[in-house]
Amino acid sequence: MRERPWVRRCRRACRAAHLPAPLRSPALKDERPRDVSISPAESADLVGVRLRDRIVEASRDRYGVASDLAMRRGIVGVVLGFEFGLIDGELVLIEDLVTPDRSRFWGTERFRAEGGRERFDNQDPRDWLEGSDWERQPPGPPLPNEVGETTDSRYAERYRRLIESPLLPVRSEEE
């Protein structure tokens, strides 16, 4: 994936800093399907300025609601991903919304501009996979139990904070 110069500049300037307003980073899905960053101008070229502006407004609205809720519950919404599509010409929010798989969340207690943070996302499996000898072809290797358990506990803690209720265990059909 080719990273755009404006994205690289932002990554350097914004690393672990609290920003006064969200940054928008439009992307497309490639044939794999993986996200490919594009510039705001490219997004306008693809969908038109009017639709792009509607997407930006809808993203800001949803970001504001999700970010405010998370901050009240002790979590910084660092990256909140939204995916939009059109159904019969109507702009709709698609896919998952503000989940740990699509978003990055840090605990406010340890949030510091120099980068210290308590994570509530799926970075542990990513880190493990990047350090493995997996060739990025399906099927992926099984994760070690400790990586899955750490990720599960982070997801459960994030859920507990945001929903203010513990995450109940999933029951099997035999139970």
C-alpha atoms as a PDB file:
ATOM      1  CA  MET A   1       0.000   0.000   0.000  1.00  0.00           C
ATOM      2  CA  ARG A   2       1.392   3.366  -1.007  1.00  0.00           C
ATOM      3  CA  GLU A   3       1.109   5.965   1.739  1.00  0.00           C
ATOM      4  CA  ARG A   4       0.407   9.514   0.632  1.00  0.00           C
ATOM      5  CA  PRO A   5       2.835  12.296   1.700  1.00  0.00           C
ATOM      6  CA  TRP A   6       0.076  14.158   3.580  1.00  0.00           C
ATOM      7  CA  VAL A   7      -0.668  10.986   5.582  1.00  0.00           C
ATOM      8  CA  ARG A   8       3.037  10.545   6.450  1.00  0.00           C
ATOM      9  CA  ARG A   9       3.273  14.174   7.621  1.00  0.00           C
ATOM     10  CA  CYS A  10       0.204  13.736   9.772  1.00  0.00           C
ATOM     11  CA  ARG A  11       1.497  10.513  11.313  1.00  0.00           C
ATOM     12  CA  ARG A  12       4.747  12.223  12.333  1.00  0.00           C
ATOM     13  CA  ALA A  13       3.135  15.434  13.599  1.00  0.00           C
ATOM     14  CA  CYS A  14       0.200  13.834  15.385  1.00  0.00           C
ATOM     15  CA  ARG A  15       1.665  10.761  17.030  1.00  0.00           C
ATOM     16  CA  ALA A  16      -0.119  10.392  20.383  1.00  0.00           C
ATOM     17  CA  ALA A  17      -1.059  14.080  20.546  1.00  0.00           C
ATOM     18  CA  HIS A  18      -4.530  15.234  21.532  1.00  0.00           C
ATOM     19  CA  LEU A  19      -5.930  17.117  18.548  1.00  0.00           C
ATOM     20  CA  PRO A  20      -8.575  19.844  18.752  1.00  0.00           C
ATOM     21  CA  ALA A  21     -10.482  18.377  15.800  1.00  0.00           C
ATOM     22  CA  PRO A  22     -10.514  15.008  14.033  1.00  0.00           C
ATOM     23  CA  LEU A  23      -8.381  14.397  10.974  1.00  0.00           C
ATOM     24  CA  ARG A  24     -10.067  12.762   8.029  1.00  0.00           C
ATOM     25  CA  SER A  25      -8.217  10.035   6.177  1.00  0.00           C
ATOM     26  CA  PRO A  26     -10.289   8.762   3.236  1.00  0.00           C
ATOM     27  CA  ALA A  27      -9.587   5.302   1.891  1.00  0.00           C
ATOM     28  CA  LEU A  28     -10.804   2.819  -0.680  1.00  0.00           C
ATOM     29  CA  LYS A  29     -10.845  -0.961  -0.638  1.00  0.00           C
ATOM     30  CA  ASP A  30      -8.477  -2.647  -3.065  1.00  0.00           C
ATOM     31  CA  GLU A  31      -9.065  -6.072  -4.619  1.00  0.00           C
ATOM     32  CA  ARG A  32      -7.858  -7.983  -1.496  1.00  0.00           C
ATOM     33  CA  PRO A  33      -9.916  -6.053   0.110  1.00  0.00           C
ATOM     34  CA  ARG A  34      -7.593  -3.823   2.110  1.00  0.00           C
ATOM     35  CA  ASP A  35      -7.812  -0.111   2.823  1.00  0.00           C
ATOM     36  CA  VAL A  36      -5.806   2.127   0.512  1.00  0.00           C
ATOM     37  CA  SER A  37      -5.393   5.741   1.607  1.00  0.00           C
ATOM     38  CA  ILE A  38      -6.377   8.452  -0.843  1.00  0.00           C
ATOM     39  CA  SER A  39      -6.224  12.214  -0.559  1.00  0.00           C
ATOM     40  CA  PRO A  40      -9.298  14.354   0.126  1.00  0.00           C
ATOM     41  CA  ALA A  41      -9.031  15.695  -3.436  1.00  0.00           C
ATOM     42  CA  GLU A  42      -9.003  12.141  -4.848  1.00  0.00           C
ATOM     43  CA  SER A  43     -12.095  11.300  -2.811  1.00  0.00           C
ATOM     44  CA  ALA A  44     -13.885  14.316  -4.323  1.00  0.00           C
ATOM     45  CA  ASP A  45     -12.777  13.237  -7.813  1.00  0.00           C
ATOM     46  CA  LEU A  46     -14.237   9.764  -7.217  1.00  0.00           C
ATOM     47  CA  VAL A  47     -17.625  10.628  -5.713  1.00  0.00           C
ATOM     48  CA  GLY A  48     -18.061  14.322  -6.453  1.00  0.00           C
ATOM     49  CA  VAL A  49     -17.638  17.281  -4.138  1.00  0.00           C
ATOM     50  CA  ARG A  50     -21.252  17.271  -2.961  1.00  0.00           C
ATOM     51  CA  LEU A  51     -21.300  13.618  -1.882  1.00  0.00           C
ATOM     52  CA  ARG A  52     -17.803  13.889  -0.420  1.00  0.00           C
ATOM     53  CA  ASP A  53     -18.981  16.852   1.683  1.00  0.00           C
ATOM     54  CA  ARG A  54     -22.007  14.859   2.909  1.00  0.00           C
ATOM     55  CA  ILE A  55     -19.680  12.014   3.906  1.00  0.00           C
ATOM     56  CA  VAL A  56     -17.376  14.434   5.739  1.00  0.00           C
ATOM     57  CA  GLU A  57     -20.322  15.953   7.629  1.00  0.00           C
ATOM     58  CA  ALA A  58     -21.754  12.541   8.533  1.00  0.00           C
ATOM     59  CA  SER A  59     -18.302  11.381   9.695  1.00  0.00           C
ATOM     60  CA  ARG A  60     -17.826  14.452  11.888  1.00  0.00           C
ATOM     61  CA  ASP A  61     -21.263  14.030  13.449  1.00  0.00           C
ATOM     62  CA  ARG A  62     -20.682  10.376  14.270  1.00  0.00           C
ATOM     63  CA  TYR A  63     -17.129  11.026  15.427  1.00  0.00           C
ATOM     64  CA  GLY A  64     -18.347  13.724  17.809  1.00  0.00           C
ATOM     65  CA  VAL A  65     -20.965  11.481  19.409  1.00  0.00           C
ATOM     66  CA  ALA A  66     -18.636   8.477  19.729  1.00  0.00           C
ATOM     67  CA  SER A  67     -15.637  10.513  20.893  1.00  0.00           C
ATOM     68  CA  ASP A  68     -17.631  12.426  23.529  1.00  0.00           C
ATOM     69  CA  LEU A  69     -19.134   9.227  24.929  1.00  0.00           C
ATOM     70  CA  ALA A  70     -15.748   7.520  25.054  1.00  0.00           C
ATOM     71  CA  MET A  71     -14.066  10.485  26.800  1.00  0.00           C
ATOM     72  CA  ARG A  72     -16.797  10.569  29.459  1.00  0.00           C
ATOM     73  CA  ARG A  73     -16.030   6.899  30.109  1.00  0.00           C
ATOM     74  CA  GLY A  74     -12.234   7.262  30.320  1.00  0.00           C
ATOM     75  CA  ILE A  75     -11.319   6.278  26.767  1.00  0.00           C
ATOM     76  CA  VAL A  76      -9.743   8.329  23.980  1.00  0.00           C
ATOM     77  CA  GLY A  77     -11.130   7.449  20.546  1.00  0.00           C
ATOM     78  CA  VAL A  78      -7.852   7.801  18.650  1.00  0.00           C
ATOM     79  CA  VAL A  79      -9.014   6.412  15.336  1.00  0.00           C
ATOM     80  CA  LEU A  80     -12.716   5.936  14.760  1.00  0.00           C
ATOM     81  CA  GLY A  81     -13.437   4.274  11.444  1.00  0.00           C
ATOM     82  CA  PHE A  82     -16.657   4.788   9.523  1.00  0.00           C
ATOM     83  CA  GLU A  83     -17.573   3.209   6.209  1.00  0.00           C
ATOM     84  CA  PHE A  84     -20.296   4.661   4.029  1.00  0.00           C
ATOM     85  CA  GLY A  85     -22.096   3.428   0.963  1.00  0.00           C
ATOM     86  CA  LEU A  86     -25.089   4.285  -1.194  1.00  0.00           C
ATOM     87  CA  ILE A  87     -28.359   2.387  -1.266  1.00  0.00           C
ATOM     88  CA  ASP A  88     -30.832   3.674  -3.852  1.00  0.00           C
ATOM     89  CA  GLY A  89     -28.895   6.955  -3.899  1.00  0.00           C
ATOM     90  CA  GLU A  90     -29.155   7.364  -0.107  1.00  0.00           C
ATOM     91  CA  LEU A  91     -25.957   7.759   1.927  1.00  0.00           C
ATOM     92  CA  VAL A  92     -25.846   5.012   4.573  1.00  0.00           C
ATOM     93  CA  LEU A  93     -23.410   3.950   7.235  1.00  0.00           C
ATOM     94  CA  ILE A  94     -22.262   0.406   6.477  1.00  0.00           C
ATOM     95  CA  GLU A  95     -20.061  -2.209   8.091  1.00  0.00           C
ATOM     96  CA  ASP A  96     -19.185  -2.115  11.769  1.00  0.00           C
ATOM     97  CA  LEU A  97     -19.200   1.115  13.726  1.00  0.00           C
ATOM     98  CA  VAL A  98     -16.609   2.144  16.298  1.00  0.00           C
ATOM     99  CA  THR A  99     -15.536  -1.425  17.016  1.00  0.00           C
ATOM    100  CA  PRO A 100     -12.073  -2.408  18.260  1.00  0.00           C
ATOM    101  CA  ASP A 101     -11.439  -4.056  14.886  1.00  0.00           C
ATOM    102  CA  ARG A 102     -11.883  -0.798  12.959  1.00  0.00           C
ATOM    103  CA  SER A 103     -10.930   1.766  15.572  1.00  0.00           C
ATOM    104  CA  ARG A 104      -8.149   2.588  18.023  1.00  0.00           C
ATOM    105  CA  PHE A 105      -8.936   3.326  21.655  1.00  0.00           C
ATOM    106  CA  TRP A 106      -6.613   4.340  24.487  1.00  0.00           C
ATOM    107  CA  GLY A 107      -7.335   4.769  28.180  1.00  0.00           C
ATOM    108  CA  THR A 108      -7.259   8.397  29.349  1.00  0.00           C
ATOM    109  CA  GLU A 109      -5.406   7.535  32.569  1.00  0.00           C
ATOM    110  CA  ARG A 110      -2.169   6.760  30.758  1.00  0.00           C
ATOM    111  CA  PHE A 111      -2.629   8.972  27.689  1.00  0.00           C
ATOM    112  CA  ARG A 112       0.386  11.241  27.293  1.00  0.00           C
ATOM    113  CA  ALA A 113       1.698  13.169  24.333  1.00  0.00           C
ATOM    114  CA  GLU A 114       4.951  11.199  24.422  1.00  0.00           C
ATOM    115  CA  GLY A 115       3.055   8.050  23.546  1.00  0.00           C
ATOM    116  CA  GLY A 116       2.316   6.135  26.751  1.00  0.00           C
ATOM    117  CA  ARG A 117      -1.098   4.517  26.481  1.00  0.00           C
ATOM    118  CA  GLU A 118      -3.387   1.749  27.581  1.00  0.00           C
ATOM    119  CA  ARG A 119      -4.773   0.168  24.396  1.00  0.00           C
ATOM    120  CA  PHE A 120      -8.243  -1.279  23.843  1.00  0.00           C
ATOM    121  CA  ASP A 121      -7.882  -2.492  20.268  1.00  0.00           C
ATOM    122  CA  ASN A 122      -6.591  -5.374  18.172  1.00  0.00           C
ATOM    123  CA  GLN A 123      -2.939  -4.294  18.012  1.00  0.00           C
ATOM    124  CA  ASP A 124      -1.624  -7.317  19.940  1.00  0.00           C
ATOM    125  CA  PRO A 125      -2.660  -9.839  17.248  1.00  0.00           C
ATOM    126  CA  ARG A 126      -1.299  -7.503  14.562  1.00  0.00           C
ATOM    127  CA  ASP A 127       2.028  -7.177  16.374  1.00  0.00           C
ATOM    128  CA  TRP A 128       2.249 -10.946  16.794  1.00  0.00           C
ATOM    129  CA  LEU A 129       1.408 -11.579  13.119  1.00  0.00           C
ATOM    130  CA  GLU A 130       3.949  -8.997  11.928  1.00  0.00           C
ATOM    131  CA  GLY A 131       6.631 -10.713  14.019  1.00  0.00           C
ATOM    132  CA  SER A 132       5.726 -14.160  12.724  1.00  0.00           C
ATOM    133  CA  ASP A 133       6.936 -15.822   9.534  1.00  0.00           C
ATOM    134  CA  TRP A 134       3.418 -15.851   8.054  1.00  0.00           C
ATOM    135  CA  GLU A 135       3.506 -15.035   4.324  1.00  0.00           C
ATOM    136  CA  ARG A 136       0.147 -13.161   4.392  1.00  0.00           C
ATOM    137  CA  GLN A 137      -1.629 -15.931   2.516  1.00  0.00           C
ATOM    138  CA  PRO A 138      -4.689 -17.715   3.896  1.00  0.00           C
ATOM    139  CA  PRO A 139      -5.044 -19.488   6.106  1.00  0.00           C
ATOM    140  CA  GLY A 140      -3.398 -17.405   8.804  1.00  0.00           C
ATOM    141  CA  PRO A 141      -1.521 -19.104  11.625  1.00  0.00           C
ATOM    142  CA  PRO A 142      -3.335 -19.797  14.900  1.00  0.00           C
ATOM    143  CA  LEU A 143      -2.698 -17.111  17.518  1.00  0.00           C
ATOM    144  CA  PRO A 144      -1.058 -18.171  20.754  1.00  0.00           C
ATOM    145  CA  ASN A 145      -3.559 -18.389  23.628  1.00  0.00           C
ATOM    146  CA  GLU A 146      -1.930 -15.508  25.522  1.00  0.00           C
ATOM    147  CA  VAL A 147      -2.363 -13.132  22.562  1.00  0.00           C
ATOM    148  CA  GLY A 148      -6.037 -14.032  22.260  1.00  0.00           C
ATOM    149  CA  GLU A 149      -6.591 -13.788  26.015  1.00  0.00           C
ATOM    150  CA  THR A 150      -4.917 -10.363  26.220  1.00  0.00           C
ATOM    151  CA  THR A 151      -7.007  -9.095  23.308  1.00  0.00           C
ATOM    152  CA  ASP A 152     -10.188 -10.546  24.801  1.00  0.00           C
ATOM    153  CA  SER A 153      -9.546  -8.835  28.132  1.00  0.00           C
ATOM    154  CA  ARG A 154      -8.890  -5.484  26.424  1.00  0.00           C
ATOM    155  CA  TYR A 155     -12.107  -5.773  24.400  1.00  0.00           C
ATOM    156  CA  ALA A 156     -14.076  -6.723  27.524  1.00  0.00           C
ATOM    157  CA  GLU A 157     -12.642  -3.792  29.507  1.00  0.00           C
ATOM    158  CA  ARG A 158     -13.434  -1.350  26.703  1.00  0.00           C
ATOM    159  CA  TYR A 159     -16.965  -2.713  26.499  1.00  0.00           C
ATOM    160  CA  ARG A 160     -17.379  -2.449  30.288  1.00  0.00           C
ATOM    161  CA  ARG A 161     -16.272   1.175  30.256  1.00  0.00           C
ATOM    162  CA  LEU A 162     -18.324   2.259  27.257  1.00  0.00           C
ATOM    163  CA  ILE A 163     -21.520   0.370  28.075  1.00  0.00           C
ATOM    164  CA  GLU A 164     -21.042   0.564  31.864  1.00  0.00           C
ATOM    165  CA  SER A 165     -21.867  -3.110  32.172  1.00  0.00           C
ATOM    166  CA  PRO A 166     -19.696  -6.240  32.013  1.00  0.00           C
ATOM    167  CA  LEU A 167     -19.518  -8.181  28.782  1.00  0.00           C
ATOM    168  CA  LEU A 168     -21.451 -11.386  29.318  1.00  0.00           C
ATOM    169  CA  PRO A 169     -19.853 -14.619  28.136  1.00  0.00           C
ATOM    170  CA  VAL A 170     -21.204 -16.170  24.966  1.00  0.00           C
ATOM    171  CA  ARG A 171     -23.086 -19.352  25.665  1.00  0.00           C
ATOM    172  CA  SER A 172     -22.644 -22.365  23.468  1.00  0.00           C
ATOM    173  CA  GLU A 173     -25.676 -24.068  21.943  1.00  0.00           C
ATOM    174  CA  GLU A 174     -25.153 -27.037  24.285  1.00  0.00           C
ATOM    175  CA  GLU A 175     -25.722 -24.859  27.390  1.00  0.00           C
END
